[in-house]
C-alpha cells in the first residue's frame, strides 16, 4: 500500500468500452492506441497505452463517461 506522500509510477493500461470509438480520438486520449473489434456482444473498442498516474487514469475515464461509453474493463499491467 502506498503511503500518503508516495505517487504510483506510470503503468500500461488496457481499457475496453462497449461501442466504436474512431481512431481519430487517439490524441484526445493522450496518444493511447485505439483498436476496434467485434466480440460476442457486439463492437468493442480497446484503448491501450501508458498512463502517467491515477489522476491521468481518472481523466481518461471521465472522457469516456463524457462520450457516454460503457466501460467493460480496466486492466493494469503493473
PDB file of N, CA and C in Angstrom:
ATOM      1  N   UNK A   1       0.842  -1.183   0.000  1.00  0.00           N
ATOM      2  CA  UNK A   1       0.000   0.000   0.000  1.00  0.00           C
ATOM      3  C   UNK A   1       0.882   1.238   0.000  1.00  0.00           C
ATOM      4  N   UNK A   2       0.439   2.248  -0.743  1.00  0.00           N
ATOM      5  CA  UNK A   2       1.218   3.463  -0.849  1.00  0.00           C
ATOM      6  C   UNK A   2       1.035   4.342   0.373  1.00  0.00           C
ATOM      7  N   UNK A   3       2.102   5.023   0.746  1.00  0.00           N
ATOM      8  CA  UNK A   3       1.996   5.996   1.817  1.00  0.00           C
ATOM      9  C   UNK A   3       1.365   7.274   1.306  1.00  0.00           C
ATOM     10  N   UNK A   4       1.026   8.180   2.215  1.00  0.00           N
ATOM     11  CA  UNK A   4       0.352   9.412   1.814  1.00  0.00           C
ATOM     12  C   UNK A   4       1.189  10.261   0.867  1.00  0.00           C
ATOM     13  N   UNK A   5       2.489  10.269   1.020  1.00  0.00           N
ATOM     14  CA  UNK A   5       3.350  11.102   0.192  1.00  0.00           C
ATOM     15  C   UNK A   5       3.841  10.436  -1.075  1.00  0.00           C
ATOM     16  N   UNK A   6       3.519   9.166  -1.278  1.00  0.00           N
ATOM     17  CA  UNK A   6       4.014   8.446  -2.448  1.00  0.00           C
ATOM     18  C   UNK A   6       3.039   8.531  -3.602  1.00  0.00           C
ATOM     19  N   UNK A   7       3.597   8.579  -4.828  1.00  0.00           N
ATOM     20  CA  UNK A   7       2.775   8.549  -6.032  1.00  0.00           C
ATOM     21  C   UNK A   7       3.163   7.323  -6.830  1.00  0.00           C
ATOM     22  N   UNK A   8       2.189   6.668  -7.365  1.00  0.00           N
ATOM     23  CA  UNK A   8       2.440   5.487  -8.178  1.00  0.00           C
ATOM     24  C   UNK A   8       3.057   5.914  -9.504  1.00  0.00           C
ATOM     25  N   UNK A   9       4.029   5.154  -9.973  1.00  0.00           N
ATOM     26  CA  UNK A   9       4.654   5.405 -11.259  1.00  0.00           C
ATOM     27  C   UNK A   9       3.682   5.067 -12.379  1.00  0.00           C
ATOM     28  N   UNK A  10       4.019   5.482 -13.585  1.00  0.00           N
ATOM     29  CA  UNK A  10       3.169   5.191 -14.730  1.00  0.00           C
ATOM     30  C   UNK A  10       3.030   3.688 -14.944  1.00  0.00           C
ATOM     31  N   UNK A  11       1.927   3.306 -15.578  1.00  0.00           N
ATOM     32  CA  UNK A  11       1.646   1.900 -15.837  1.00  0.00           C
ATOM     33  C   UNK A  11       0.933   1.786 -17.179  1.00  0.00           C
ATOM     34  N   UNK A  12       1.000   0.604 -17.779  1.00  0.00           N
ATOM     35  CA  UNK A  12       0.357   0.337 -19.060  1.00  0.00           C
ATOM     36  C   UNK A  12      -1.054  -0.180 -18.790  1.00  0.00           C
ATOM     37  N   UNK A  13      -2.030   0.449 -19.427  1.00  0.00           N
ATOM     38  CA  UNK A  13      -3.433   0.082 -19.221  1.00  0.00           C
ATOM     39  C   UNK A  13      -4.092  -0.399 -20.501  1.00  0.00           C
ATOM     40  N   UNK A  14      -5.061  -1.296 -20.327  1.00  0.00           N
ATOM     41  CA  UNK A  14      -5.974  -1.753 -21.378  1.00  0.00           C
ATOM     42  C   UNK A  14      -7.366  -1.382 -20.878  1.00  0.00           C
ATOM     43  N   UNK A  15      -8.034  -0.494 -21.586  1.00  0.00           N
ATOM     44  CA  UNK A  15      -9.379  -0.073 -21.199  1.00  0.00           C
ATOM     45  C   UNK A  15     -10.317  -0.448 -22.338  1.00  0.00           C
ATOM     46  N   UNK A  16     -11.317  -1.265 -22.042  1.00  0.00           N
ATOM     47  CA  UNK A  16     -12.251  -1.719 -23.062  1.00  0.00           C
ATOM     48  C   UNK A  16     -13.619  -1.110 -22.812  1.00  0.00           C
ATOM     49  N   UNK A  17     -14.208  -0.571 -23.881  1.00  0.00           N
ATOM     50  CA  UNK A  17     -15.530   0.037 -23.795  1.00  0.00           C
ATOM     51  C   UNK A  17     -16.448  -0.580 -24.837  1.00  0.00           C
ATOM     52  N   UNK A  18     -17.732  -0.518 -24.564  1.00  0.00           N
ATOM     53  CA  UNK A  18     -18.726  -1.010 -25.495  1.00  0.00           C
ATOM     54  C   UNK A  18     -18.929   0.035 -26.581  1.00  0.00           C
ATOM     55  N   UNK A  19     -18.988  -0.410 -27.840  1.00  0.00           N
ATOM     56  CA  UNK A  19     -19.215   0.505 -28.946  1.00  0.00           C
ATOM     57  C   UNK A  19     -17.927   0.844 -29.674  1.00  0.00           C
ATOM     58  N   UNK A  20     -18.070   1.699 -30.672  1.00  0.00           N
ATOM     59  CA  UNK A  20     -16.938   2.041 -31.533  1.00  0.00           C
ATOM     60  C   UNK A  20     -16.486   3.471 -31.292  1.00  0.00           C
ATOM     61  N   UNK A  21     -15.191   3.614 -31.077  1.00  0.00           N
ATOM     62  CA  UNK A  21     -14.559   4.921 -30.915  1.00  0.00           C
ATOM     63  C   UNK A  21     -13.558   5.067 -32.050  1.00  0.00           C
ATOM     64  N   UNK A  22     -13.707   6.081 -32.861  1.00  0.00           N
ATOM     65  CA  UNK A  22     -12.843   6.284 -34.018  1.00  0.00           C
ATOM     66  C   UNK A  22     -11.399   6.538 -33.582  1.00  0.00           C
ATOM     67  N   UNK A  23     -10.457   6.037 -34.387  1.00  0.00           N
ATOM     68  CA  UNK A  23      -9.036   6.211 -34.051  1.00  0.00           C
ATOM     69  C   UNK A  23      -8.609   7.673 -34.047  1.00  0.00           C
ATOM     70  N   UNK A  24      -9.406   8.548 -34.636  1.00  0.00           N
ATOM     71  CA  UNK A  24      -9.090   9.977 -34.612  1.00  0.00           C
ATOM     72  C   UNK A  24      -9.107  10.558 -33.196  1.00  0.00           C
ATOM     73  N   UNK A  25      -9.676   9.815 -32.236  1.00  0.00           N
ATOM     74  CA  UNK A  25      -9.727  10.259 -30.848  1.00  0.00           C
ATOM     75  C   UNK A  25      -8.423   9.972 -30.097  1.00  0.00           C
ATOM     76  N   UNK A  26      -7.456   9.300 -30.713  1.00  0.00           N
ATOM     77  CA  UNK A  26      -6.217   8.909 -30.013  1.00  0.00           C
ATOM     78  C   UNK A  26      -5.528  10.080 -29.332  1.00  0.00           C
ATOM     79  N   UNK A  27      -5.424  11.190 -30.012  1.00  0.00           N
ATOM     80  CA  UNK A  27      -4.729  12.337 -29.416  1.00  0.00           C
ATOM     81  C   UNK A  27      -5.456  12.843 -28.175  1.00  0.00           C
ATOM     82  N   UNK A  28      -6.777  12.868 -28.205  1.00  0.00           N
ATOM     83  CA  UNK A  28      -7.558  13.332 -27.054  1.00  0.00           C
ATOM     84  C   UNK A  28      -7.377  12.405 -25.865  1.00  0.00           C
ATOM     85  N   UNK A  29      -7.049  11.133 -26.151  1.00  0.00           N
ATOM     86  CA  UNK A  29      -6.809  10.155 -25.090  1.00  0.00           C
ATOM     87  C   UNK A  29      -5.307   9.951 -24.871  1.00  0.00           C
ATOM     88  N   UNK A  30      -4.564  11.039 -24.866  1.00  0.00           N
ATOM     89  CA  UNK A  30      -3.132  11.048 -24.535  1.00  0.00           C
ATOM     90  C   UNK A  30      -2.311  10.088 -25.383  1.00  0.00           C
ATOM     91  N   UNK A  31      -2.701   9.919 -26.641  1.00  0.00           N
ATOM     92  CA  UNK A  31      -1.932   9.076 -27.545  1.00  0.00           C
ATOM     93  C   UNK A  31      -2.121   7.585 -27.341  1.00  0.00           C
ATOM     94  N   UNK A  32      -3.109   7.186 -26.559  1.00  0.00           N
ATOM     95  CA  UNK A  32      -3.351   5.754 -26.373  1.00  0.00           C
ATOM     96  C   UNK A  32      -3.763   5.140 -27.713  1.00  0.00           C
ATOM     97  N   UNK A  33      -3.345   3.913 -27.955  1.00  0.00           N
ATOM     98  CA  UNK A  33      -3.709   3.203 -29.174  1.00  0.00           C
ATOM     99  C   UNK A  33      -5.157   2.761 -29.075  1.00  0.00           C
ATOM    100  N   UNK A  34      -5.926   3.013 -30.134  1.00  0.00           N
ATOM    101  CA  UNK A  34      -7.337   2.641 -30.166  1.00  0.00           C
ATOM    102  C   UNK A  34      -7.538   1.548 -31.198  1.00  0.00           C
ATOM    103  N   UNK A  35      -8.129   0.436 -30.769  1.00  0.00           N
ATOM    104  CA  UNK A  35      -8.465  -0.639 -31.694  1.00  0.00           C
ATOM    105  C   UNK A  35      -9.935  -1.010 -31.513  1.00  0.00           C
ATOM    106  N   UNK A  36     -10.578  -1.294 -32.629  1.00  0.00           N
ATOM    107  CA  UNK A  36     -11.992  -1.660 -32.628  1.00  0.00           C
ATOM    108  C   UNK A  36     -12.101  -3.104 -33.081  1.00  0.00           C
ATOM    109  N   UNK A  37     -12.920  -3.879 -32.382  1.00  0.00           N
ATOM    110  CA  UNK A  37     -13.073  -5.297 -32.713  1.00  0.00           C
ATOM    111  C   UNK A  37     -14.512  -5.732 -32.454  1.00  0.00           C
ATOM    112  N   UNK A  38     -14.851  -6.854 -33.024  1.00  0.00           N
ATOM    113  CA  UNK A  38     -16.154  -7.466 -32.798  1.00  0.00           C
ATOM    114  C   UNK A  38     -15.965  -8.565 -31.761  1.00  0.00           C
ATOM    115  N   UNK A  39     -16.838  -8.593 -30.759  1.00  0.00           N
ATOM    116  CA  UNK A  39     -16.817  -9.708 -29.820  1.00  0.00           C
ATOM    117  C   UNK A  39     -18.215 -10.316 -29.774  1.00  0.00           C
ATOM    118  N   UNK A  40     -18.429 -11.252 -28.890  1.00  0.00           N
ATOM    119  CA  UNK A  40     -19.715 -11.963 -28.836  1.00  0.00           C
ATOM    120  C   UNK A  40     -20.897 -11.048 -28.546  1.00  0.00           C
ATOM    121  N   UNK A  41     -20.642  -9.891 -27.926  1.00  0.00           N
ATOM    122  CA  UNK A  41     -21.717  -8.970 -27.562  1.00  0.00           C
ATOM    123  C   UNK A  41     -21.839  -7.784 -28.510  1.00  0.00           C
ATOM    124  N   UNK A  42     -21.008  -7.711 -29.539  1.00  0.00           N
ATOM    125  CA  UNK A  42     -21.053  -6.592 -30.483  1.00  0.00           C
ATOM    126  C   UNK A  42     -19.691  -5.950 -30.642  1.00  0.00           C
ATOM    127  N   UNK A  43     -19.703  -4.687 -31.017  1.00  0.00           N
ATOM    128  CA  UNK A  43     -18.463  -3.952 -31.255  1.00  0.00           C
ATOM    129  C   UNK A  43     -17.912  -3.415 -29.939  1.00  0.00           C
ATOM    130  N   UNK A  44     -16.604  -3.579 -29.747  1.00  0.00           N
ATOM    131  CA  UNK A  44     -15.926  -3.026 -28.574  1.00  0.00           C
ATOM    132  C   UNK A  44     -14.686  -2.266 -29.030  1.00  0.00           C
ATOM    133  N   UNK A  45     -14.304  -1.289 -28.247  1.00  0.00           N
ATOM    134  CA  UNK A  45     -13.096  -0.518 -28.511  1.00  0.00           C
ATOM    135  C   UNK A  45     -12.153  -0.698 -27.337  1.00  0.00           C
ATOM    136  N   UNK A  46     -10.872  -0.907 -27.641  1.00  0.00           N
ATOM    137  CA  UNK A  46      -9.861  -1.030 -26.593  1.00  0.00           C
ATOM    138  C   UNK A  46      -8.844   0.096 -26.748  1.00  0.00           C
ATOM    139  N   UNK A  47      -8.601   0.775 -25.635  1.00  0.00           N
ATOM    140  CA  UNK A  47      -7.556   1.794 -25.575  1.00  0.00           C
ATOM    141  C   UNK A  47      -6.391   1.179 -24.817  1.00  0.00           C
ATOM    142  N   UNK A  48      -5.195   1.283 -25.388  1.00  0.00           N
ATOM    143  CA  UNK A  48      -4.006   0.724 -24.745  1.00  0.00           C
ATOM    144  C   UNK A  48      -2.918   1.784 -24.714  1.00  0.00           C
ATOM    145  N   UNK A  49      -2.252   1.868 -23.573  1.00  0.00           N
ATOM    146  CA  UNK A  49      -1.148   2.796 -23.509  1.00  0.00           C
ATOM    147  C   UNK A  49      -0.684   3.071 -22.096  1.00  0.00           C
ATOM    148  N   UNK A  50       0.386   3.818 -22.031  1.00  0.00           N
ATOM    149  CA  UNK A  50       0.997   4.191 -20.766  1.00  0.00           C
ATOM    150  C   UNK A  50       0.208   5.342 -20.158  1.00  0.00           C
ATOM    151  N   UNK A  51      -0.155   5.192 -18.897  1.00  0.00           N
ATOM    152  CA  UNK A  51      -0.890   6.229 -18.167  1.00  0.00           C
ATOM    153  C   UNK A  51       0.009   6.700 -17.028  1.00  0.00           C
ATOM    154  N   UNK A  52       0.178   7.996 -16.931  1.00  0.00           N
ATOM    155  CA  UNK A  52       1.162   8.567 -16.006  1.00  0.00           C
ATOM    156  C   UNK A  52       0.896   8.230 -14.548  1.00  0.00           C
ATOM    157  N   UNK A  53      -0.356   8.329 -14.118  1.00  0.00           N
ATOM    158  CA  UNK A  53      -0.688   8.103 -12.713  1.00  0.00           C
ATOM    159  C   UNK A  53      -2.196   7.966 -12.576  1.00  0.00           C
ATOM    160  N   UNK A  54      -2.678   7.867 -11.353  1.00  0.00           N
ATOM    161  CA  UNK A  54      -4.104   7.692 -11.111  1.00  0.00           C
ATOM    162  C   UNK A  54      -4.920   8.917 -11.530  1.00  0.00           C
ATOM    163  N   UNK A  55      -4.333  10.083 -11.441  1.00  0.00           N
ATOM    164  CA  UNK A  55      -5.017  11.299 -11.871  1.00  0.00           C
ATOM    165  C   UNK A  55      -5.260  11.249 -13.376  1.00  0.00           C
ATOM    166  N   UNK A  56      -4.250  10.838 -14.131  1.00  0.00           N
ATOM    167  CA  UNK A  56      -4.390  10.710 -15.586  1.00  0.00           C
ATOM    168  C   UNK A  56      -5.413   9.633 -15.944  1.00  0.00           C
ATOM    169  N   UNK A  57      -5.412   8.520 -15.200  1.00  0.00           N
ATOM    170  CA  UNK A  57      -6.391   7.462 -15.437  1.00  0.00           C
ATOM    171  C   UNK A  57      -7.801   7.989 -15.205  1.00  0.00           C
ATOM    172  N   UNK A  58      -7.984   8.724 -14.152  1.00  0.00           N
ATOM    173  CA  UNK A  58      -9.297   9.313 -13.861  1.00  0.00           C
ATOM    174  C   UNK A  58      -9.729  10.240 -14.986  1.00  0.00           C
ATOM    175  N   UNK A  59      -8.798  10.997 -15.538  1.00  0.00           N
ATOM    176  CA  UNK A  59      -9.106  11.886 -16.661  1.00  0.00           C
ATOM    177  C   UNK A  59      -9.578  11.116 -17.882  1.00  0.00           C
ATOM    178  N   UNK A  60      -8.924  10.000 -18.184  1.00  0.00           N
ATOM    179  CA  UNK A  60      -9.319   9.160 -19.315  1.00  0.00           C
ATOM    180  C   UNK A  60     -10.715   8.595 -19.084  1.00  0.00           C
ATOM    181  N   UNK A  61     -10.948   8.068 -17.893  1.00  0.00           N
ATOM    182  CA  UNK A  61     -12.263   7.503 -17.576  1.00  0.00           C
ATOM    183  C   UNK A  61     -13.357   8.569 -17.621  1.00  0.00           C
ATOM    184  N   UNK A  62     -13.048   9.785 -17.191  1.00  0.00           N
ATOM    185  CA  UNK A  62     -14.019  10.879 -17.276  1.00  0.00           C
ATOM    186  C   UNK A  62     -14.358  11.211 -18.725  1.00  0.00           C
ATOM    187  N   UNK A  63     -13.360  11.176 -19.608  1.00  0.00           N
ATOM    188  CA  UNK A  63     -13.602  11.436 -21.028  1.00  0.00           C
ATOM    189  C   UNK A  63     -14.515  10.363 -21.618  1.00  0.00           C
ATOM    190  N   UNK A  64     -14.288   9.113 -21.242  1.00  0.00           N
ATOM    191  CA  UNK A  64     -15.154   8.033 -21.716  1.00  0.00           C
ATOM    192  C   UNK A  64     -16.575   8.237 -21.216  1.00  0.00           C
ATOM    193  N   UNK A  65     -16.707   8.659 -19.968  1.00  0.00           N
ATOM    194  CA  UNK A  65     -18.018   8.958 -19.383  1.00  0.00           C
ATOM    195  C   UNK A  65     -18.699  10.083 -20.169  1.00  0.00           C
ATOM    196  N   UNK A  66     -17.933  11.151 -20.474  1.00  0.00           N
ATOM    197  CA  UNK A  66     -18.477  12.287 -21.221  1.00  0.00           C
ATOM    198  C   UNK A  66     -18.968  11.875 -22.605  1.00  0.00           C
ATOM    199  N   UNK A  67     -18.346  10.858 -23.195  1.00  0.00           N
ATOM    200  CA  UNK A  67     -18.752  10.349 -24.505  1.00  0.00           C
ATOM    201  C   UNK A  67     -19.890   9.328 -24.392  1.00  0.00           C
ATOM    202  N   UNK A  68     -20.338   9.089 -23.170  1.00  0.00           N
ATOM    203  CA  UNK A  68     -21.427   8.155 -22.889  1.00  0.00           C
ATOM    204  C   UNK A  68     -21.094   6.721 -23.327  1.00  0.00           C
ATOM    205  N   UNK A  69     -19.824   6.329 -23.149  1.00  0.00           N
ATOM    206  CA  UNK A  69     -19.393   4.968 -23.479  1.00  0.00           C
ATOM    207  C   UNK A  69     -19.396   4.111 -22.209  1.00  0.00           C
ATOM    208  N   UNK A  70     -19.847   2.884 -22.339  1.00  0.00           N
ATOM    209  CA  UNK A  70     -19.888   1.956 -21.216  1.00  0.00           C
ATOM    210  C   UNK A  70     -18.542   1.269 -21.077  1.00  0.00           C
ATOM    211  N   UNK A  71     -17.904   1.416 -19.930  1.00  0.00           N
ATOM    212  CA  UNK A  71     -16.618   0.758 -19.664  1.00  0.00           C
ATOM    213  C   UNK A  71     -16.876  -0.704 -19.319  1.00  0.00           C
ATOM    214  N   UNK A  72     -16.223  -1.586 -20.062  1.00  0.00           N
ATOM    215  CA  UNK A  72     -16.347  -3.018 -19.820  1.00  0.00           C
ATOM    216  C   UNK A  72     -15.259  -3.496 -18.867  1.00  0.00           C
ATOM    217  N   UNK A  73     -14.023  -3.024 -19.088  1.00  0.00           N
ATOM    218  CA  UNK A  73     -12.939  -3.452 -18.210  1.00  0.00           C
ATOM    219  C   UNK A  73     -11.797  -2.434 -18.223  1.00  0.00           C
ATOM    220  N   UNK A  74     -11.063  -2.412 -17.116  1.00  0.00           N
ATOM    221  CA  UNK A  74      -9.847  -1.624 -16.974  1.00  0.00           C
ATOM    222  C   UNK A  74      -8.806  -2.566 -16.383  1.00  0.00           C
ATOM    223  N   UNK A  75      -7.733  -2.821 -17.142  1.00  0.00           N
ATOM    224  CA  UNK A  75      -6.682  -3.730 -16.690  1.00  0.00           C
ATOM    225  C   UNK A  75      -5.352  -3.007 -16.689  1.00  0.00           C
ATOM    226  N   UNK A  76      -4.600  -3.239 -15.636  1.00  0.00           N
ATOM    227  CA  UNK A  76      -3.293  -2.603 -15.483  1.00  0.00           C
ATOM    228  C   UNK A  76      -2.205  -3.663 -15.555  1.00  0.00           C
ATOM    229  N   UNK A  77      -1.207  -3.431 -16.402  1.00  0.00           N
ATOM    230  CA  UNK A  77      -0.017  -4.274 -16.448  1.00  0.00           C
ATOM    231  C   UNK A  77       1.065  -3.572 -15.649  1.00  0.00           C
ATOM    232  N   UNK A  78       1.021  -3.712 -14.345  1.00  0.00           N
ATOM    233  CA  UNK A  78       1.956  -3.007 -13.457  1.00  0.00           C
ATOM    234  C   UNK A  78       3.358  -3.544 -13.558  1.00  0.00           C
TER     235      UNK A  78
END
